[in-house]
Amino acid sequence: MDLRTRAEIVIKDCCEALSSELSEEDTNTVAAIIERAMREAIKAAAEESSNAARACCGADEDMAHQITDRIREANTALISNLSSLR
């Protein structure tokens, strides 16, 4: 499921909880905000994973760097794929 679809589900759930509906323009604005928040969360999670890899593999810095590089590559690919699904 792409970020946009997830964002629309969140908006629908929020509208149901608030017993109100949004206009199409407001829905698009809120969806963009949610998508941005999701991207930032993904980036933060990847950074935390990289930091954990460096911390647990401190004695073997080469391995820590390889793990960090792979996490960043996977994160970049994920963001690119999700963005292309819009």
C-alpha atoms as a PDB file:
ATOM      1  CA  MET A   1       0.000   0.000   0.000  1.00  0.00           C
ATOM      2  CA  ASP A   2       1.467   3.372  -0.972  1.00  0.00           C
ATOM      3  CA  LEU A   3       1.760   6.401   1.303  1.00  0.00           C
ATOM      4  CA  ARG A   4      -1.122   8.219  -0.357  1.00  0.00           C
ATOM      5  CA  THR A   5      -3.528   5.340   0.249  1.00  0.00           C
ATOM      6  CA  ARG A   6      -2.383   5.073   3.865  1.00  0.00           C
ATOM      7  CA  ALA A   7      -2.833   8.822   4.291  1.00  0.00           C
ATOM      8  CA  GLU A   8      -6.368   8.644   2.886  1.00  0.00           C
ATOM      9  CA  ILE A   9      -7.224   5.840   5.321  1.00  0.00           C
ATOM     10  CA  VAL A  10      -5.934   7.957   8.212  1.00  0.00           C
ATOM     11  CA  ILE A  11      -8.006  10.931   7.009  1.00  0.00           C
ATOM     12  CA  LYS A  12     -11.120   8.755   6.732  1.00  0.00           C
ATOM     13  CA  ASP A  13     -10.560   7.405  10.251  1.00  0.00           C
ATOM     14  CA  CYS A  14     -10.064  10.928  11.603  1.00  0.00           C
ATOM     15  CA  CYS A  15     -13.223  12.193   9.888  1.00  0.00           C
ATOM     16  CA  GLU A  16     -15.221   9.306  11.312  1.00  0.00           C
ATOM     17  CA  ALA A  17     -13.832  10.003  14.789  1.00  0.00           C
ATOM     18  CA  LEU A  18     -14.678  13.706  14.443  1.00  0.00           C
ATOM     19  CA  SER A  19     -18.019  13.062  12.728  1.00  0.00           C
ATOM     20  CA  SER A  20     -17.175  15.418   9.871  1.00  0.00           C
ATOM     21  CA  GLU A  21     -16.024  15.338   6.259  1.00  0.00           C
ATOM     22  CA  LEU A  22     -13.316  17.292   4.443  1.00  0.00           C
ATOM     23  CA  SER A  23     -13.524  18.895   1.027  1.00  0.00           C
ATOM     24  CA  GLU A  24     -11.398  17.371  -1.718  1.00  0.00           C
ATOM     25  CA  GLU A  25      -8.943  20.274  -1.440  1.00  0.00           C
ATOM     26  CA  ASP A  26      -8.652  19.845   2.333  1.00  0.00           C
ATOM     27  CA  THR A  27      -8.264  16.079   1.909  1.00  0.00           C
ATOM     28  CA  ASN A  28      -5.375  16.631  -0.531  1.00  0.00           C
ATOM     29  CA  THR A  29      -3.704  19.105   1.838  1.00  0.00           C
ATOM     30  CA  VAL A  30      -4.018  16.809   4.836  1.00  0.00           C
ATOM     31  CA  ALA A  31      -2.874  13.795   2.788  1.00  0.00           C
ATOM     32  CA  ALA A  32       0.271  15.677   1.747  1.00  0.00           C
ATOM     33  CA  ILE A  33       0.990  16.520   5.395  1.00  0.00           C
ATOM     34  CA  ILE A  34       0.552  12.882   6.423  1.00  0.00           C
ATOM     35  CA  GLU A  35       2.733  11.656   3.545  1.00  0.00           C
ATOM     36  CA  ARG A  36       5.479  14.090   4.567  1.00  0.00           C
ATOM     37  CA  ALA A  37       5.258  12.903   8.186  1.00  0.00           C
ATOM     38  CA  MET A  38       5.509   9.273   7.064  1.00  0.00           C
ATOM     39  CA  ARG A  39       8.588  10.011   4.940  1.00  0.00           C
ATOM     40  CA  GLU A  40      10.230  11.794   7.850  1.00  0.00           C
ATOM     41  CA  ALA A  41       9.419   8.848  10.133  1.00  0.00           C
ATOM     42  CA  ILE A  42      10.942   6.399   7.637  1.00  0.00           C
ATOM     43  CA  LYS A  43      14.094   8.512   7.391  1.00  0.00           C
ATOM     44  CA  ALA A  44      14.343   8.787  11.179  1.00  0.00           C
ATOM     45  CA  ALA A  45      13.908   5.028  11.583  1.00  0.00           C
ATOM     46  CA  ALA A  46      16.648   4.387   9.022  1.00  0.00           C
ATOM     47  CA  GLU A  47      18.966   6.796  10.829  1.00  0.00           C
ATOM     48  CA  GLU A  48      18.261   5.090  14.151  1.00  0.00           C
ATOM     49  CA  SER A  49      18.990   1.709  12.550  1.00  0.00           C
ATOM     50  CA  SER A  50      22.268   3.051  11.185  1.00  0.00           C
ATOM     51  CA  ASN A  51      23.217   4.388  14.601  1.00  0.00           C
ATOM     52  CA  ALA A  52      22.376   1.033  16.187  1.00  0.00           C
ATOM     53  CA  ALA A  53      24.532  -0.757  13.598  1.00  0.00           C
ATOM     54  CA  ARG A  54      27.456   1.517  14.399  1.00  0.00           C
ATOM     55  CA  ALA A  55      26.947   1.041  18.132  1.00  0.00           C
ATOM     56  CA  CYS A  56      26.753  -2.756  18.044  1.00  0.00           C
ATOM     57  CA  CYS A  57      29.553  -3.165  15.508  1.00  0.00           C
ATOM     58  CA  GLY A  58      31.838  -0.504  16.962  1.00  0.00           C
ATOM     59  CA  ALA A  59      34.800  -2.862  17.098  1.00  0.00           C
ATOM     60  CA  ASP A  60      34.386  -3.729  13.433  1.00  0.00           C
ATOM     61  CA  GLU A  61      33.893  -0.316  11.852  1.00  0.00           C
ATOM     62  CA  ASP A  62      34.039  -1.678   8.317  1.00  0.00           C
ATOM     63  CA  MET A  63      31.059  -3.931   9.007  1.00  0.00           C
ATOM     64  CA  ALA A  64      29.174  -1.063  10.668  1.00  0.00           C
ATOM     65  CA  HIS A  65      29.767   1.146   7.628  1.00  0.00           C
ATOM     66  CA  GLN A  66      28.608  -1.612   5.277  1.00  0.00           C
ATOM     67  CA  ILE A  67      25.425  -2.125   7.292  1.00  0.00           C
ATOM     68  CA  THR A  68      24.816   1.630   7.435  1.00  0.00           C
ATOM     69  CA  ASP A  69      25.326   1.956   3.677  1.00  0.00           C
ATOM     70  CA  ARG A  70      22.899  -0.890   2.983  1.00  0.00           C
ATOM     71  CA  ILE A  71      20.270   0.630   5.276  1.00  0.00           C
ATOM     72  CA  ARG A  72      20.603   3.999   3.538  1.00  0.00           C
ATOM     73  CA  GLU A  73      20.408   2.390   0.085  1.00  0.00           C
ATOM     74  CA  ALA A  74      17.284   0.457   1.077  1.00  0.00           C
ATOM     75  CA  ASN A  75      15.748   3.602   2.549  1.00  0.00           C
ATOM     76  CA  THR A  76      16.480   5.606  -0.606  1.00  0.00           C
ATOM     77  CA  ALA A  77      14.948   2.875  -2.759  1.00  0.00           C
ATOM     78  CA  LEU A  78      11.881   2.705  -0.516  1.00  0.00           C
ATOM     79  CA  ILE A  79      11.311   6.464  -0.641  1.00  0.00           C
ATOM     80  CA  SER A  80      11.775   6.487  -4.429  1.00  0.00           C
ATOM     81  CA  ASN A  81       9.352   3.604  -4.907  1.00  0.00           C
ATOM     82  CA  LEU A  82       6.731   5.117  -2.615  1.00  0.00           C
ATOM     83  CA  SER A  83       7.052   8.513  -4.273  1.00  0.00           C
ATOM     84  CA  SER A  84       6.615   7.020  -7.733  1.00  0.00           C
ATOM     85  CA  LEU A  85       3.337   5.423  -6.655  1.00  0.00           C
ATOM     86  CA  ARG A  86       1.632   8.769  -6.166  1.00  0.00           C
END
